Amino acid sequence: MPDTVGVDGGPAPELAAEDSKLVVLARGARARVGAVEGAAVRDQDGRTYAAATVALPSLTLTALQLATASAAAAGAVRLEAAAVVSEASTLDAAGLAAVRDLSAEAPVHLAAPDGTLLGTVVE
């Protein structure tokens, strides 16, 4: 996982309210369908998009790829922030790459299924 925000290698700081909302939306998307991951993104206008992992025989998308694609399909040209809720301890490269296609600086928060912040990727 690229650079993670945190003081002296410690845990990432507490999330702002808008970013906490992304974690709540990602948790809901994951729980609704019992998916491996849930994700949510916020675009330049403050609109949010949530998604869960898709694993079909002909199509596989990470939750973060799908949330980003949904934002792009709705006309988003930049993302302000993203959050992923997963049991994994790192972000997948494909999802992070999708976010970076729309924003080089948007923080991507990784949280455990209980909503505990594990880290924030800023690069």
N, C-alpha and C. Protein backbone atom coordinates (compact mmCIF):
# COMPACT_ATOMS: atom_id res chain seq x y z
N MET A 1 0.86 -1.17 0.00
CA MET A 1 0.00 0.00 0.00
C MET A 1 0.90 1.22 0.00
N PRO A 2 0.67 2.21 -0.88
CA PRO A 2 1.48 3.42 -0.88
C PRO A 2 1.37 4.17 0.45
N ASP A 3 1.98 5.35 0.48
CA ASP A 3 2.06 6.12 1.71
C ASP A 3 0.74 6.18 2.46
N THR A 4 0.81 5.90 3.74
CA THR A 4 -0.36 5.94 4.61
C THR A 4 -0.19 7.08 5.59
N VAL A 5 -1.21 7.90 5.73
CA VAL A 5 -1.16 9.02 6.65
C VAL A 5 -1.17 8.49 8.07
N GLY A 6 -0.31 8.98 8.89
CA GLY A 6 -0.26 8.58 10.29
C GLY A 6 0.93 9.26 10.94
N VAL A 7 0.85 9.52 12.20
CA VAL A 7 1.93 10.19 12.91
C VAL A 7 2.95 9.16 13.36
N ASP A 8 4.19 9.34 12.95
CA ASP A 8 5.28 8.44 13.35
C ASP A 8 4.93 6.97 13.14
N GLY A 9 4.31 6.68 12.01
CA GLY A 9 3.97 5.30 11.70
C GLY A 9 2.77 4.78 12.47
N GLY A 10 2.15 5.63 13.25
CA GLY A 10 0.99 5.24 14.04
C GLY A 10 -0.27 5.23 13.21
N PRO A 11 -1.40 5.09 13.86
CA PRO A 11 -2.66 5.04 13.13
C PRO A 11 -2.98 6.36 12.44
N ALA A 12 -3.74 6.26 11.38
CA ALA A 12 -4.16 7.45 10.66
C ALA A 12 -5.05 8.30 11.56
N PRO A 13 -5.05 9.61 11.34
CA PRO A 13 -5.90 10.48 12.16
C PRO A 13 -7.38 10.18 11.95
N GLU A 14 -8.19 10.66 12.87
CA GLU A 14 -9.63 10.46 12.77
C GLU A 14 -10.16 11.14 11.51
N LEU A 15 -11.16 10.53 10.91
CA LEU A 15 -11.71 11.05 9.67
C LEU A 15 -12.61 12.25 9.90
N ALA A 16 -12.63 13.14 8.91
CA ALA A 16 -13.59 14.24 8.89
C ALA A 16 -14.98 13.65 8.69
N ALA A 17 -16.00 14.38 9.03
CA ALA A 17 -17.38 13.89 8.95
C ALA A 17 -17.74 13.43 7.54
N GLU A 18 -17.34 14.17 6.51
CA GLU A 18 -17.67 13.79 5.14
C GLU A 18 -17.02 12.46 4.75
N ASP A 19 -15.79 12.24 5.23
CA ASP A 19 -15.11 10.99 4.92
C ASP A 19 -15.65 9.84 5.76
N SER A 20 -16.08 10.12 6.97
CA SER A 20 -16.73 9.10 7.79
C SER A 20 -18.00 8.61 7.13
N LYS A 21 -18.72 9.52 6.47
CA LYS A 21 -19.93 9.14 5.74
C LYS A 21 -19.59 8.14 4.63
N LEU A 22 -18.44 8.32 3.97
CA LEU A 22 -18.03 7.38 2.93
C LEU A 22 -17.83 5.98 3.51
N VAL A 23 -17.24 5.90 4.70
CA VAL A 23 -17.05 4.59 5.34
C VAL A 23 -18.40 3.96 5.65
N VAL A 24 -19.35 4.75 6.15
CA VAL A 24 -20.69 4.23 6.45
C VAL A 24 -21.36 3.71 5.17
N LEU A 25 -21.25 4.47 4.09
CA LEU A 25 -21.84 4.03 2.82
C LEU A 25 -21.18 2.76 2.30
N ALA A 26 -19.87 2.68 2.42
CA ALA A 26 -19.14 1.49 1.97
C ALA A 26 -19.51 0.27 2.80
N ARG A 27 -19.65 0.45 4.11
CA ARG A 27 -20.08 -0.66 4.97
C ARG A 27 -21.46 -1.15 4.57
N GLY A 28 -22.36 -0.21 4.28
CA GLY A 28 -23.72 -0.57 3.89
C GLY A 28 -23.75 -1.33 2.57
N ALA A 29 -22.96 -0.88 1.60
CA ALA A 29 -22.92 -1.55 0.30
C ALA A 29 -22.39 -2.97 0.45
N ARG A 30 -21.37 -3.13 1.27
CA ARG A 30 -20.78 -4.46 1.51
C ARG A 30 -21.79 -5.38 2.21
N ALA A 31 -22.42 -4.89 3.23
CA ALA A 31 -23.34 -5.70 4.03
C ALA A 31 -24.61 -6.07 3.25
N ARG A 32 -25.07 -5.15 2.43
CA ARG A 32 -26.33 -5.36 1.69
C ARG A 32 -26.30 -6.64 0.86
N VAL A 33 -25.16 -6.94 0.26
CA VAL A 33 -25.08 -8.12 -0.61
C VAL A 33 -24.09 -9.17 -0.10
N GLY A 34 -23.53 -8.95 1.07
CA GLY A 34 -22.57 -9.89 1.63
C GLY A 34 -21.30 -9.99 0.81
N ALA A 35 -20.86 -8.87 0.26
CA ALA A 35 -19.69 -8.83 -0.62
C ALA A 35 -18.39 -8.83 0.17
N VAL A 36 -17.32 -9.13 -0.52
CA VAL A 36 -15.99 -9.11 0.06
C VAL A 36 -15.60 -7.69 0.47
N GLU A 37 -15.94 -6.74 -0.39
CA GLU A 37 -15.61 -5.33 -0.14
C GLU A 37 -16.79 -4.43 -0.44
N GLY A 38 -16.78 -3.29 0.20
CA GLY A 38 -17.69 -2.21 -0.13
C GLY A 38 -16.83 -0.97 -0.31
N ALA A 39 -17.29 -0.06 -1.15
CA ALA A 39 -16.53 1.18 -1.36
C ALA A 39 -17.50 2.32 -1.62
N ALA A 40 -17.01 3.52 -1.38
CA ALA A 40 -17.78 4.73 -1.69
C ALA A 40 -16.81 5.82 -2.09
N VAL A 41 -17.24 6.66 -3.02
CA VAL A 41 -16.43 7.79 -3.46
C VAL A 41 -17.28 9.05 -3.43
N ARG A 42 -16.60 10.21 -3.30
CA ARG A 42 -17.28 11.50 -3.35
C ARG A 42 -16.67 12.31 -4.49
N ASP A 43 -17.51 12.86 -5.36
CA ASP A 43 -17.00 13.60 -6.50
C ASP A 43 -16.84 15.09 -6.20
N GLN A 44 -16.44 15.83 -7.21
CA GLN A 44 -16.15 17.26 -7.06
C GLN A 44 -17.36 18.09 -6.64
N ASP A 45 -18.55 17.57 -6.84
CA ASP A 45 -19.78 18.28 -6.46
C ASP A 45 -20.35 17.80 -5.14
N GLY A 46 -19.65 16.87 -4.48
CA GLY A 46 -20.12 16.35 -3.20
C GLY A 46 -21.07 15.17 -3.32
N ARG A 47 -21.32 14.72 -4.54
CA ARG A 47 -22.18 13.56 -4.74
C ARG A 47 -21.41 12.30 -4.35
N THR A 48 -22.12 11.32 -3.79
CA THR A 48 -21.47 10.08 -3.37
C THR A 48 -22.01 8.91 -4.17
N TYR A 49 -21.14 7.92 -4.34
CA TYR A 49 -21.47 6.70 -5.08
C TYR A 49 -20.92 5.54 -4.26
N ALA A 50 -21.75 4.55 -4.01
CA ALA A 50 -21.33 3.38 -3.23
C ALA A 50 -21.51 2.13 -4.08
N ALA A 51 -20.66 1.14 -3.82
CA ALA A 51 -20.72 -0.09 -4.60
C ALA A 51 -20.12 -1.24 -3.79
N ALA A 52 -20.42 -2.44 -4.24
CA ALA A 52 -19.85 -3.65 -3.64
C ALA A 52 -19.09 -4.40 -4.73
N THR A 53 -18.25 -5.31 -4.32
CA THR A 53 -17.51 -6.15 -5.24
C THR A 53 -18.46 -6.91 -6.16
N VAL A 54 -18.10 -7.02 -7.44
CA VAL A 54 -18.86 -7.79 -8.40
C VAL A 54 -17.98 -8.95 -8.86
N ALA A 55 -18.49 -10.16 -8.73
CA ALA A 55 -17.75 -11.35 -9.16
C ALA A 55 -18.69 -12.25 -9.95
N LEU A 56 -18.79 -11.96 -11.25
CA LEU A 56 -19.61 -12.76 -12.16
C LEU A 56 -18.69 -13.58 -13.05
N PRO A 57 -19.20 -14.62 -13.66
CA PRO A 57 -18.34 -15.41 -14.55
C PRO A 57 -17.69 -14.57 -15.66
N SER A 58 -18.39 -13.56 -16.14
CA SER A 58 -17.85 -12.76 -17.25
C SER A 58 -17.35 -11.37 -16.84
N LEU A 59 -17.47 -11.02 -15.57
CA LEU A 59 -17.09 -9.68 -15.14
C LEU A 59 -16.68 -9.68 -13.67
N THR A 60 -15.50 -9.16 -13.40
CA THR A 60 -15.03 -9.02 -12.03
C THR A 60 -14.58 -7.59 -11.82
N LEU A 61 -15.15 -6.92 -10.82
CA LEU A 61 -14.79 -5.54 -10.48
C LEU A 61 -14.63 -5.43 -8.98
N THR A 62 -13.62 -4.69 -8.56
CA THR A 62 -13.53 -4.39 -7.14
C THR A 62 -14.60 -3.36 -6.81
N ALA A 63 -14.92 -3.27 -5.55
CA ALA A 63 -15.92 -2.28 -5.12
C ALA A 63 -15.46 -0.87 -5.47
N LEU A 64 -14.17 -0.59 -5.31
CA LEU A 64 -13.66 0.74 -5.60
C LEU A 64 -13.69 1.04 -7.10
N GLN A 65 -13.41 0.04 -7.93
CA GLN A 65 -13.53 0.24 -9.37
C GLN A 65 -14.96 0.59 -9.75
N LEU A 66 -15.93 -0.15 -9.19
CA LEU A 66 -17.33 0.07 -9.54
C LEU A 66 -17.84 1.42 -9.02
N ALA A 67 -17.47 1.79 -7.81
CA ALA A 67 -17.90 3.10 -7.29
C ALA A 67 -17.31 4.22 -8.13
N THR A 68 -16.05 4.07 -8.54
CA THR A 68 -15.40 5.09 -9.38
C THR A 68 -16.05 5.13 -10.76
N ALA A 69 -16.33 3.96 -11.32
CA ALA A 69 -16.99 3.91 -12.63
C ALA A 69 -18.38 4.55 -12.57
N SER A 70 -19.10 4.31 -11.49
CA SER A 70 -20.43 4.92 -11.33
C SER A 70 -20.32 6.44 -11.30
N ALA A 71 -19.32 6.94 -10.59
CA ALA A 71 -19.12 8.39 -10.53
C ALA A 71 -18.79 8.93 -11.92
N ALA A 72 -17.88 8.27 -12.62
CA ALA A 72 -17.50 8.72 -13.96
C ALA A 72 -18.69 8.67 -14.91
N ALA A 73 -19.50 7.62 -14.81
CA ALA A 73 -20.67 7.49 -15.68
C ALA A 73 -21.70 8.57 -15.41
N ALA A 74 -21.69 9.11 -14.19
CA ALA A 74 -22.62 10.19 -13.83
C ALA A 74 -22.05 11.57 -14.16
N GLY A 75 -20.85 11.60 -14.73
CA GLY A 75 -20.28 12.87 -15.15
C GLY A 75 -19.19 13.42 -14.25
N ALA A 76 -18.79 12.69 -13.23
CA ALA A 76 -17.72 13.19 -12.35
C ALA A 76 -16.42 13.30 -13.13
N VAL A 77 -15.71 14.37 -12.91
CA VAL A 77 -14.41 14.56 -13.55
C VAL A 77 -13.28 14.54 -12.53
N ARG A 78 -13.64 14.58 -11.24
CA ARG A 78 -12.64 14.54 -10.17
C ARG A 78 -13.26 13.93 -8.93
N LEU A 79 -12.47 13.18 -8.19
CA LEU A 79 -12.91 12.64 -6.91
C LEU A 79 -12.24 13.40 -5.79
N GLU A 80 -13.01 13.67 -4.73
CA GLU A 80 -12.46 14.33 -3.54
C GLU A 80 -11.91 13.34 -2.55
N ALA A 81 -12.56 12.16 -2.43
CA ALA A 81 -12.13 11.16 -1.45
C ALA A 81 -12.82 9.84 -1.77
N ALA A 82 -12.26 8.77 -1.20
CA ALA A 82 -12.83 7.44 -1.37
C ALA A 82 -12.61 6.66 -0.09
N ALA A 83 -13.42 5.62 0.09
CA ALA A 83 -13.26 4.72 1.24
C ALA A 83 -13.56 3.30 0.79
N VAL A 84 -12.80 2.37 1.33
CA VAL A 84 -12.99 0.95 1.07
C VAL A 84 -13.14 0.26 2.42
N VAL A 85 -14.13 -0.62 2.53
CA VAL A 85 -14.30 -1.44 3.72
C VAL A 85 -14.04 -2.87 3.30
N SER A 86 -13.07 -3.48 3.97
CA SER A 86 -12.63 -4.81 3.58
C SER A 86 -11.99 -5.53 4.76
N GLU A 87 -11.91 -6.83 4.65
CA GLU A 87 -11.15 -7.60 5.63
C GLU A 87 -9.67 -7.61 5.29
N ALA A 88 -9.32 -7.18 4.08
CA ALA A 88 -7.92 -7.11 3.66
C ALA A 88 -7.22 -5.97 4.39
N SER A 89 -5.92 -6.09 4.52
CA SER A 89 -5.15 -5.06 5.22
C SER A 89 -4.51 -4.07 4.26
N THR A 90 -4.71 -4.28 2.96
CA THR A 90 -4.18 -3.35 1.96
C THR A 90 -5.23 -3.11 0.88
N LEU A 91 -5.06 -2.03 0.17
CA LEU A 91 -5.95 -1.73 -0.96
C LEU A 91 -5.47 -2.51 -2.17
N ASP A 92 -6.42 -2.92 -3.02
CA ASP A 92 -6.02 -3.59 -4.25
C ASP A 92 -5.56 -2.54 -5.25
N ALA A 93 -4.59 -2.90 -6.07
CA ALA A 93 -3.99 -1.97 -7.02
C ALA A 93 -4.99 -1.49 -8.07
N ALA A 94 -5.88 -2.37 -8.53
CA ALA A 94 -6.83 -2.00 -9.58
C ALA A 94 -7.81 -0.92 -9.11
N GLY A 95 -8.30 -1.05 -7.90
CA GLY A 95 -9.22 -0.05 -7.37
C GLY A 95 -8.53 1.29 -7.17
N LEU A 96 -7.34 1.26 -6.62
CA LEU A 96 -6.58 2.49 -6.41
C LEU A 96 -6.26 3.15 -7.74
N ALA A 97 -5.93 2.37 -8.75
CA ALA A 97 -5.63 2.93 -10.08
C ALA A 97 -6.86 3.63 -10.66
N ALA A 98 -8.03 3.06 -10.45
CA ALA A 98 -9.26 3.68 -10.95
C ALA A 98 -9.47 5.05 -10.32
N VAL A 99 -9.27 5.15 -9.01
CA VAL A 99 -9.40 6.45 -8.34
C VAL A 99 -8.38 7.43 -8.90
N ARG A 100 -7.13 6.97 -9.08
CA ARG A 100 -6.07 7.85 -9.57
C ARG A 100 -6.33 8.32 -11.00
N ASP A 101 -7.14 7.60 -11.75
CA ASP A 101 -7.52 8.07 -13.09
C ASP A 101 -8.29 9.39 -13.01
N LEU A 102 -9.02 9.59 -11.92
CA LEU A 102 -9.80 10.82 -11.75
C LEU A 102 -9.17 11.82 -10.79
N SER A 103 -8.26 11.36 -9.95
CA SER A 103 -7.66 12.29 -8.99
C SER A 103 -6.34 11.73 -8.47
N ALA A 104 -5.29 12.51 -8.66
CA ALA A 104 -3.97 12.09 -8.18
C ALA A 104 -3.83 12.28 -6.67
N GLU A 105 -4.67 13.16 -6.08
CA GLU A 105 -4.50 13.47 -4.66
C GLU A 105 -5.60 13.00 -3.74
N ALA A 106 -6.67 12.47 -4.25
CA ALA A 106 -7.79 12.09 -3.38
C ALA A 106 -7.35 11.05 -2.36
N PRO A 107 -7.62 11.30 -1.07
CA PRO A 107 -7.29 10.28 -0.08
C PRO A 107 -8.22 9.08 -0.25
N VAL A 108 -7.64 7.89 -0.08
CA VAL A 108 -8.42 6.66 -0.14
C VAL A 108 -8.27 5.99 1.22
N HIS A 109 -9.36 5.97 1.97
CA HIS A 109 -9.36 5.43 3.32
C HIS A 109 -9.68 3.94 3.27
N LEU A 110 -8.95 3.17 4.05
CA LEU A 110 -9.21 1.74 4.18
C LEU A 110 -9.69 1.47 5.59
N ALA A 111 -10.85 0.83 5.69
CA ALA A 111 -11.44 0.54 6.99
C ALA A 111 -11.77 -0.94 7.10
N ALA A 112 -11.75 -1.43 8.32
CA ALA A 112 -12.15 -2.81 8.62
C ALA A 112 -13.67 -2.91 8.55
N PRO A 113 -14.22 -4.11 8.49
CA PRO A 113 -15.67 -4.28 8.43
C PRO A 113 -16.44 -3.58 9.55
N ASP A 114 -15.82 -3.40 10.71
CA ASP A 114 -16.51 -2.70 11.81
C ASP A 114 -16.39 -1.18 11.70
N GLY A 115 -15.75 -0.70 10.64
CA GLY A 115 -15.61 0.74 10.42
C GLY A 115 -14.34 1.34 10.98
N THR A 116 -13.52 0.55 11.65
CA THR A 116 -12.25 1.04 12.20
C THR A 116 -11.31 1.42 11.08
N LEU A 117 -10.81 2.64 11.09
CA LEU A 117 -9.89 3.12 10.07
C LEU A 117 -8.55 2.39 10.21
N LEU A 118 -8.09 1.79 9.11
CA LEU A 118 -6.81 1.09 9.10
C LEU A 118 -5.69 1.97 8.55
N GLY A 119 -6.05 2.87 7.63
CA GLY A 119 -5.05 3.74 7.03
C GLY A 119 -5.65 4.56 5.92
N THR A 120 -4.86 5.49 5.42
CA THR A 120 -5.29 6.37 4.35
C THR A 120 -4.17 6.50 3.33
N VAL A 121 -4.45 6.13 2.09
CA VAL A 121 -3.48 6.26 1.02
C VAL A 121 -3.64 7.65 0.43
N VAL A 122 -2.53 8.36 0.34
CA VAL A 122 -2.58 9.72 -0.18
C VAL A 122 -1.78 9.89 -1.47
N GLU A 123 -1.10 8.88 -1.92
CA GLU A 123 -0.35 8.96 -3.19
C GLU A 123 -0.74 7.83 -4.09
